Amino acid sequence: MSSEENWYIVKQESQECKIVSEQELEASTASDSETASPTEVPSQWGPFETQEQAIAKRIGLIRAGKCQPAI
Protein backbone atom coordinates (compact mmCIF):
# COMPACT_ATOMS: atom_id res chain seq x y z
CA MET A 1 0.00 0.00 0.00
CA SER A 2 1.65 3.22 -1.13
CA SER A 3 0.22 6.23 0.64
CA GLU A 4 1.29 9.80 0.03
CA GLU A 5 -0.85 11.09 2.88
CA ASN A 6 0.70 13.39 5.47
CA TRP A 7 -0.21 13.47 9.15
CA TYR A 8 -0.55 16.44 11.50
CA ILE A 9 -0.90 17.00 15.24
CA VAL A 10 -3.57 19.54 16.16
CA LYS A 11 -4.03 20.91 19.68
CA GLN A 12 -7.70 20.92 20.70
CA GLU A 13 -9.42 23.44 22.99
CA SER A 14 -9.27 20.75 25.70
CA GLN A 15 -5.44 20.93 25.41
CA GLU A 16 -5.35 17.38 24.01
CA CYS A 17 -3.39 16.83 20.82
CA LYS A 18 -5.15 14.89 18.10
CA ILE A 19 -3.42 13.17 15.19
CA VAL A 20 -5.25 13.81 11.93
CA SER A 21 -4.63 13.07 8.28
CA GLU A 22 -4.08 15.87 5.81
CA GLN A 23 -7.61 15.32 4.43
CA GLU A 24 -9.16 15.59 7.90
CA LEU A 25 -7.14 18.73 8.63
CA GLU A 26 -8.25 20.41 5.40
CA ALA A 27 -11.89 19.48 6.07
CA SER A 28 -11.82 20.81 9.64
CA THR A 29 -9.92 23.95 8.63
CA ALA A 30 -12.52 24.74 5.96
CA SER A 31 -15.43 24.36 8.39
CA ASP A 32 -13.64 26.13 11.28
CA SER A 33 -12.62 29.12 9.19
CA GLU A 34 -16.28 30.04 8.77
CA THR A 35 -16.95 30.11 12.52
CA ALA A 36 -13.64 30.89 14.25
CA SER A 37 -11.99 34.24 14.64
CA PRO A 38 -8.40 34.66 13.38
CA THR A 39 -7.06 34.76 16.95
CA GLU A 40 -8.41 31.27 17.71
CA VAL A 41 -6.00 29.39 15.45
CA PRO A 42 -5.12 26.08 17.12
CA SER A 43 -1.51 24.98 17.47
CA GLN A 44 -0.48 22.36 14.97
CA TRP A 45 2.65 20.45 14.10
CA GLY A 46 3.52 18.64 10.89
CA PRO A 47 3.44 17.39 8.27
CA PHE A 48 4.77 13.95 9.18
CA GLU A 49 5.25 11.26 6.52
CA THR A 50 3.82 8.46 8.66
CA GLN A 51 1.30 8.19 11.43
CA GLU A 52 4.00 6.57 13.59
CA GLN A 53 6.17 9.71 13.31
CA ALA A 54 3.21 11.84 14.37
CA ILE A 55 2.58 9.58 17.36
CA ALA A 56 6.22 9.85 18.45
CA LYS A 57 6.11 13.64 18.18
CA ARG A 58 2.84 13.77 20.14
CA ILE A 59 4.46 11.79 22.96
CA GLY A 60 7.26 14.35 23.01
CA LEU A 61 4.77 17.22 23.13
CA ILE A 62 2.97 15.58 26.05
CA ARG A 63 6.25 15.10 27.91
CA ALA A 64 7.19 18.74 27.23
CA GLY A 65 3.87 19.90 28.68
CA LYS A 66 2.55 21.34 25.41
CA CYS A 67 -0.33 18.83 25.22
CA GLN A 68 -2.43 16.81 27.63
CA PRO A 69 -2.65 13.05 27.17
CA ALA A 70 -5.97 11.73 25.88
CA ILE A 71 -8.10 10.12 28.55
PDB file of N, CA and C in Angstrom:
ATOM      1  N   MET A   1       0.846  -1.172   0.000  1.00  0.00           N
ATOM      2  CA  MET A   1       0.000   0.000   0.000  1.00  0.00           C
ATOM      3  C   MET A   1       0.891   1.235   0.000  1.00  0.00           C
ATOM      4  N   SER A   2       0.840   2.017  -1.017  1.00  0.00           N
ATOM      5  CA  SER A   2       1.650   3.221  -1.128  1.00  0.00           C
ATOM      6  C   SER A   2       0.779   4.441  -0.863  1.00  0.00           C
ATOM      7  N   SER A   3       1.033   5.085   0.263  1.00  0.00           N
ATOM      8  CA  SER A   3       0.221   6.233   0.641  1.00  0.00           C
ATOM      9  C   SER A   3       1.075   7.485   0.666  1.00  0.00           C
ATOM     10  N   GLU A   4       0.597   8.521   0.052  1.00  0.00           N
ATOM     11  CA  GLU A   4       1.291   9.801   0.033  1.00  0.00           C
ATOM     12  C   GLU A   4       0.685  10.763   1.044  1.00  0.00           C
ATOM     13  N   GLU A   5      -0.134  10.256   1.939  1.00  0.00           N
ATOM     14  CA  GLU A   5      -0.848  11.088   2.884  1.00  0.00           C
ATOM     15  C   GLU A   5       0.078  11.568   3.997  1.00  0.00           C
ATOM     16  N   ASN A   6      -0.053  12.825   4.359  1.00  0.00           N
ATOM     17  CA  ASN A   6       0.699  13.390   5.465  1.00  0.00           C
ATOM     18  C   ASN A   6      -0.176  13.426   6.705  1.00  0.00           C
ATOM     19  N   TRP A   7       0.481  13.466   7.862  1.00  0.00           N
ATOM     20  CA  TRP A   7      -0.206  13.475   9.154  1.00  0.00           C
ATOM     21  C   TRP A   7       0.174  14.728   9.926  1.00  0.00           C
ATOM     22  N   TYR A   8      -0.753  15.225  10.715  1.00  0.00           N
ATOM     23  CA  TYR A   8      -0.548  16.442  11.501  1.00  0.00           C
ATOM     24  C   TYR A   8      -1.009  16.201  12.933  1.00  0.00           C
ATOM     25  N   ILE A   9      -0.451  16.995  13.853  1.00  0.00           N
ATOM     26  CA  ILE A   9      -0.899  17.004  15.236  1.00  0.00           C
ATOM     27  C   ILE A   9      -1.573  18.344  15.454  1.00  0.00           C
ATOM     28  N   VAL A  10      -2.804  18.323  15.937  1.00  0.00           N
ATOM     29  CA  VAL A  10      -3.566  19.545  16.158  1.00  0.00           C
ATOM     30  C   VAL A  10      -3.966  19.600  17.626  1.00  0.00           C
ATOM     31  N   LYS A  11      -3.667  20.724  18.278  1.00  0.00           N
ATOM     32  CA  LYS A  11      -4.028  20.913  19.679  1.00  0.00           C
ATOM     33  C   LYS A  11      -5.474  21.369  19.755  1.00  0.00           C
ATOM     34  N   GLN A  12      -6.281  20.628  20.523  1.00  0.00           N
ATOM     35  CA  GLN A  12      -7.698  20.925  20.697  1.00  0.00           C
ATOM     36  C   GLN A  12      -7.900  21.954  21.802  1.00  0.00           C
ATOM     37  N   GLU A  13      -9.097  22.495  21.916  1.00  0.00           N
ATOM     38  CA  GLU A  13      -9.423  23.442  22.989  1.00  0.00           C
ATOM     39  C   GLU A  13      -9.250  22.805  24.363  1.00  0.00           C
ATOM     40  N   SER A  14      -9.420  21.483  24.448  1.00  0.00           N
ATOM     41  CA  SER A  14      -9.271  20.755  25.704  1.00  0.00           C
ATOM     42  C   SER A  14      -7.800  20.538  26.069  1.00  0.00           C
ATOM     43  N   GLN A  15      -6.891  21.065  25.254  1.00  0.00           N
ATOM     44  CA  GLN A  15      -5.444  20.931  25.413  1.00  0.00           C
ATOM     45  C   GLN A  15      -4.919  19.560  25.008  1.00  0.00           C
ATOM     46  N   GLU A  16      -5.787  18.660  24.528  1.00  0.00           N
ATOM     47  CA  GLU A  16      -5.346  17.377  24.014  1.00  0.00           C
ATOM     48  C   GLU A  16      -4.868  17.561  22.582  1.00  0.00           C
ATOM     49  N   CYS A  17      -3.890  16.776  22.187  1.00  0.00           N
ATOM     50  CA  CYS A  17      -3.393  16.833  20.817  1.00  0.00           C
ATOM     51  C   CYS A  17      -3.924  15.628  20.046  1.00  0.00           C
ATOM     52  N   LYS A  18      -4.525  15.918  18.925  1.00  0.00           N
ATOM     53  CA  LYS A  18      -5.154  14.892  18.097  1.00  0.00           C
ATOM     54  C   LYS A  18      -4.327  14.709  16.833  1.00  0.00           C
ATOM     55  N   ILE A  19      -4.137  13.466  16.428  1.00  0.00           N
ATOM     56  CA  ILE A  19      -3.417  13.168  15.191  1.00  0.00           C
ATOM     57  C   ILE A  19      -4.464  13.023  14.089  1.00  0.00           C
ATOM     58  N   VAL A  20      -4.295  13.823  13.035  1.00  0.00           N
ATOM     59  CA  VAL A  20      -5.248  13.806  11.934  1.00  0.00           C
ATOM     60  C   VAL A  20      -4.516  13.691  10.609  1.00  0.00           C
ATOM     61  N   SER A  21      -5.197  13.140   9.622  1.00  0.00           N
ATOM     62  CA  SER A  21      -4.629  13.067   8.284  1.00  0.00           C
ATOM     63  C   SER A  21      -4.752  14.437   7.609  1.00  0.00           C
ATOM     64  N   GLU A  22      -4.035  14.604   6.537  1.00  0.00           N
ATOM     65  CA  GLU A  22      -4.084  15.868   5.809  1.00  0.00           C
ATOM     66  C   GLU A  22      -5.503  16.166   5.327  1.00  0.00           C
ATOM     67  N   GLN A  23      -6.229  15.141   4.895  1.00  0.00           N
ATOM     68  CA  GLN A  23      -7.606  15.323   4.430  1.00  0.00           C
ATOM     69  C   GLN A  23      -8.504  15.791   5.569  1.00  0.00           C
ATOM     70  N   GLU A  24      -8.351  15.185   6.749  1.00  0.00           N
ATOM     71  CA  GLU A  24      -9.163  15.589   7.903  1.00  0.00           C
ATOM     72  C   GLU A  24      -8.838  17.025   8.309  1.00  0.00           C
ATOM     73  N   LEU A  25      -7.557  17.381   8.260  1.00  0.00           N
ATOM     74  CA  LEU A  25      -7.144  18.730   8.627  1.00  0.00           C
ATOM     75  C   LEU A  25      -7.746  19.759   7.678  1.00  0.00           C
ATOM     76  N   GLU A  26      -7.690  19.486   6.378  1.00  0.00           N
ATOM     77  CA  GLU A  26      -8.255  20.415   5.397  1.00  0.00           C
ATOM     78  C   GLU A  26      -9.763  20.553   5.581  1.00  0.00           C
ATOM     79  N   ALA A  27     -10.438  19.439   5.877  1.00  0.00           N
ATOM     80  CA  ALA A  27     -11.887  19.483   6.068  1.00  0.00           C
ATOM     81  C   ALA A  27     -12.243  20.287   7.317  1.00  0.00           C
ATOM     82  N   SER A  28     -11.514  20.079   8.404  1.00  0.00           N
ATOM     83  CA  SER A  28     -11.820  20.813   9.641  1.00  0.00           C
ATOM     84  C   SER A  28     -11.425  22.274   9.527  1.00  0.00           C
ATOM     85  N   THR A  29     -10.354  22.571   8.810  1.00  0.00           N
ATOM     86  CA  THR A  29      -9.924  23.955   8.629  1.00  0.00           C
ATOM     87  C   THR A  29     -10.953  24.719   7.811  1.00  0.00           C
ATOM     88  N   ALA A  30     -11.513  24.080   6.794  1.00  0.00           N
ATOM     89  CA  ALA A  30     -12.520  24.737   5.963  1.00  0.00           C
ATOM     90  C   ALA A  30     -13.773  25.050   6.771  1.00  0.00           C
ATOM     91  N   SER A  31     -14.212  24.122   7.605  1.00  0.00           N
ATOM     92  CA  SER A  31     -15.427  24.361   8.393  1.00  0.00           C
ATOM     93  C   SER A  31     -15.153  25.319   9.550  1.00  0.00           C
ATOM     94  N   ASP A  32     -13.976  25.250  10.160  1.00  0.00           N
ATOM     95  CA  ASP A  32     -13.641  26.133  11.279  1.00  0.00           C
ATOM     96  C   ASP A  32     -13.414  27.568  10.839  1.00  0.00           C
ATOM     97  N   SER A  33     -12.918  27.768   9.638  1.00  0.00           N
ATOM     98  CA  SER A  33     -12.620  29.124   9.185  1.00  0.00           C
ATOM     99  C   SER A  33     -13.888  29.965   9.040  1.00  0.00           C
ATOM    100  N   GLU A  34     -15.018  29.306   8.883  1.00  0.00           N
ATOM    101  CA  GLU A  34     -16.279  30.035   8.770  1.00  0.00           C
ATOM    102  C   GLU A  34     -16.777  30.513  10.127  1.00  0.00           C
ATOM    103  N   THR A  35     -16.407  29.793  11.198  1.00  0.00           N
ATOM    104  CA  THR A  35     -16.945  30.111  12.519  1.00  0.00           C
ATOM    105  C   THR A  35     -15.926  30.710  13.483  1.00  0.00           C
ATOM    106  N   ALA A  36     -14.658  30.438  13.299  1.00  0.00           N
ATOM    107  CA  ALA A  36     -13.640  30.886  14.254  1.00  0.00           C
ATOM    108  C   ALA A  36     -13.066  32.247  13.872  1.00  0.00           C
ATOM    109  N   SER A  37     -12.658  32.967  14.900  1.00  0.00           N
ATOM    110  CA  SER A  37     -11.992  34.240  14.636  1.00  0.00           C
ATOM    111  C   SER A  37     -10.520  33.971  14.376  1.00  0.00           C
ATOM    112  N   PRO A  38      -9.800  34.889  13.726  1.00  0.00           N
ATOM    113  CA  PRO A  38      -8.400  34.657  13.384  1.00  0.00           C
ATOM    114  C   PRO A  38      -7.498  34.432  14.600  1.00  0.00           C
ATOM    115  N   THR A  39      -7.886  34.922  15.765  1.00  0.00           N
ATOM    116  CA  THR A  39      -7.055  34.760  16.950  1.00  0.00           C
ATOM    117  C   THR A  39      -7.205  33.384  17.584  1.00  0.00           C
ATOM    118  N   GLU A  40      -8.161  32.582  17.138  1.00  0.00           N
ATOM    119  CA  GLU A  40      -8.409  31.265  17.708  1.00  0.00           C
ATOM    120  C   GLU A  40      -7.775  30.141  16.897  1.00  0.00           C
ATOM    121  N   VAL A  41      -6.658  30.405  16.256  1.00  0.00           N
ATOM    122  CA  VAL A  41      -6.003  29.395  15.445  1.00  0.00           C
ATOM    123  C   VAL A  41      -5.351  28.367  16.372  1.00  0.00           C
ATOM    124  N   PRO A  42      -5.714  27.087  16.236  1.00  0.00           N
ATOM    125  CA  PRO A  42      -5.124  26.081  17.118  1.00  0.00           C
ATOM    126  C   PRO A  42      -3.664  25.818  16.763  1.00  0.00           C
ATOM    127  N   SER A  43      -2.885  25.368  17.733  1.00  0.00           N
ATOM    128  CA  SER A  43      -1.506  24.978  17.469  1.00  0.00           C
ATOM    129  C   SER A  43      -1.512  23.695  16.669  1.00  0.00           C
ATOM    130  N   GLN A  44      -0.598  23.600  15.729  1.00  0.00           N
ATOM    131  CA  GLN A  44      -0.484  22.363  14.975  1.00  0.00           C
ATOM    132  C   GLN A  44       0.973  22.130  14.611  1.00  0.00           C
ATOM    133  N   TRP A  45       1.308  20.855  14.460  1.00  0.00           N
ATOM    134  CA  TRP A  45       2.654  20.453  14.099  1.00  0.00           C
ATOM    135  C   TRP A  45       2.553  19.493  12.933  1.00  0.00           C
ATOM    136  N   GLY A  46       3.514  19.552  12.036  1.00  0.00           N
ATOM    137  CA  GLY A  46       3.521  18.638  10.893  1.00  0.00           C
ATOM    138  C   GLY A  46       3.895  19.372   9.641  1.00  0.00           C
ATOM    139  N   PRO A  47       3.921  18.745   8.539  1.00  0.00           N
ATOM    140  CA  PRO A  47       3.442  17.388   8.268  1.00  0.00           C
ATOM    141  C   PRO A  47       4.472  16.320   8.640  1.00  0.00           C
ATOM    142  N   PHE A  48       3.958  15.136   8.924  1.00  0.00           N
ATOM    143  CA  PHE A  48       4.768  13.952   9.177  1.00  0.00           C
ATOM    144  C   PHE A  48       4.435  12.941   8.094  1.00  0.00           C
ATOM    145  N   GLU A  49       5.454  12.205   7.617  1.00  0.00           N
ATOM    146  CA  GLU A  49       5.250  11.263   6.521  1.00  0.00           C
ATOM    147  C   GLU A  49       4.435  10.040   6.931  1.00  0.00           C
ATOM    148  N   THR A  50       4.571   9.633   8.202  1.00  0.00           N
ATOM    149  CA  THR A  50       3.824   8.460   8.662  1.00  0.00           C
ATOM    150  C   THR A  50       3.077   8.789   9.946  1.00  0.00           C
ATOM    151  N   GLN A  51       2.058   8.011  10.208  1.00  0.00           N
ATOM    152  CA  GLN A  51       1.297   8.187  11.433  1.00  0.00           C
ATOM    153  C   GLN A  51       2.176   7.874  12.649  1.00  0.00           C
ATOM    154  N   GLU A  52       3.098   6.933  12.502  1.00  0.00           N
ATOM    155  CA  GLU A  52       3.997   6.572  13.593  1.00  0.00           C
ATOM    156  C   GLU A  52       4.890   7.752  13.988  1.00  0.00           C
ATOM    157  N   GLN A  53       5.368   8.528  13.010  1.00  0.00           N
ATOM    158  CA  GLN A  53       6.172   9.712  13.312  1.00  0.00           C
ATOM    159  C   GLN A  53       5.347  10.743  14.076  1.00  0.00           C
ATOM    160  N   ALA A  54       4.099  10.896  13.685  1.00  0.00           N
ATOM    161  CA  ALA A  54       3.208  11.843  14.371  1.00  0.00           C
ATOM    162  C   ALA A  54       2.951  11.393  15.809  1.00  0.00           C
ATOM    163  N   ILE A  55       2.788  10.100  16.011  1.00  0.00           N
ATOM    164  CA  ILE A  55       2.576   9.578  17.364  1.00  0.00           C
ATOM    165  C   ILE A  55       3.805   9.847  18.232  1.00  0.00           C
ATOM    166  N   ALA A  56       4.984   9.609  17.690  1.00  0.00           N
ATOM    167  CA  ALA A  56       6.216   9.846  18.445  1.00  0.00           C
ATOM    168  C   ALA A  56       6.354  11.321  18.813  1.00  0.00           C
ATOM    169  N   LYS A  57       6.035  12.210  17.901  1.00  0.00           N
ATOM    170  CA  LYS A  57       6.106  13.644  18.175  1.00  0.00           C
ATOM    171  C   LYS A  57       5.077  14.035  19.241  1.00  0.00           C
ATOM    172  N   ARG A  58       3.878  13.473  19.155  1.00  0.00           N
ATOM    173  CA  ARG A  58       2.841  13.768  20.144  1.00  0.00           C
ATOM    174  C   ARG A  58       3.282  13.355  21.545  1.00  0.00           C
ATOM    175  N   ILE A  59       3.936  12.224  21.661  1.00  0.00           N
ATOM    176  CA  ILE A  59       4.464  11.786  22.957  1.00  0.00           C
ATOM    177  C   ILE A  59       5.458  12.814  23.487  1.00  0.00           C
ATOM    178  N   GLY A  60       6.310  13.317  22.607  1.00  0.00           N
ATOM    179  CA  GLY A  60       7.263  14.349  23.007  1.00  0.00           C
ATOM    180  C   GLY A  60       6.580  15.630  23.449  1.00  0.00           C
ATOM    181  N   LEU A  61       5.519  16.016  22.762  1.00  0.00           N
ATOM    182  CA  LEU A  61       4.768  17.223  23.127  1.00  0.00           C
ATOM    183  C   LEU A  61       4.087  17.053  24.483  1.00  0.00           C
ATOM    184  N   ILE A  62       3.587  15.853  24.754  1.00  0.00           N
ATOM    185  CA  ILE A  62       2.972  15.583  26.054  1.00  0.00           C
ATOM    186  C   ILE A  62       4.021  15.671  27.151  1.00  0.00           C
ATOM    187  N   ARG A  63       5.177  15.065  26.910  1.00  0.00           N
ATOM    188  CA  ARG A  63       6.251  15.100  27.910  1.00  0.00           C
ATOM    189  C   ARG A  63       6.761  16.519  28.154  1.00  0.00           C
ATOM    190  N   ALA A  64       6.729  17.349  27.101  1.00  0.00           N
ATOM    191  CA  ALA A  64       7.192  18.744  27.231  1.00  0.00           C
ATOM    192  C   ALA A  64       6.134  19.647  27.837  1.00  0.00           C
ATOM    193  N   GLY A  65       4.936  19.117  28.072  1.00  0.00           N
ATOM    194  CA  GLY A  65       3.865  19.896  28.675  1.00  0.00           C
ATOM    195  C   GLY A  65       3.094  20.768  27.706  1.00  0.00           C
ATOM    196  N   LYS A  66       3.276  20.541  26.414  1.00  0.00           N
ATOM    197  CA  LYS A  66       2.554  21.337  25.415  1.00  0.00           C
ATOM    198  C   LYS A  66       1.181  20.762  25.099  1.00  0.00           C
ATOM    199  N   CYS A  67       0.956  19.501  25.456  1.00  0.00           N
ATOM    200  CA  CYS A  67      -0.327  18.826  25.215  1.00  0.00           C
ATOM    201  C   CYS A  67      -0.667  17.980  26.433  1.00  0.00           C
ATOM    202  N   GLN A  68      -1.957  17.717  26.592  1.00  0.00           N
ATOM    203  CA  GLN A  68      -2.427  16.814  27.633  1.00  0.00           C
ATOM    204  C   GLN A  68      -2.656  15.440  26.998  1.00  0.00           C
ATOM    205  N   PRO A  69      -2.371  14.365  27.727  1.00  0.00           N
ATOM    206  CA  PRO A  69      -2.650  13.046  27.172  1.00  0.00           C
ATOM    207  C   PRO A  69      -4.152  12.812  27.049  1.00  0.00           C
ATOM    208  N   ALA A  70      -4.554  12.056  26.061  1.00  0.00           N
ATOM    209  CA  ALA A  70      -5.974  11.728  25.879  1.00  0.00           C
ATOM    210  C   ALA A  70      -6.402  10.756  26.969  1.00  0.00           C
ATOM    211  N   ILE A  71      -7.596  10.970  27.470  1.00  0.00           N
ATOM    212  CA  ILE A  71      -8.098  10.115  28.554  1.00  0.00           C
ATOM    213  C   ILE A  71      -8.973   9.039  27.993  1.00  0.00           C
TER     214      ILE A  71
END
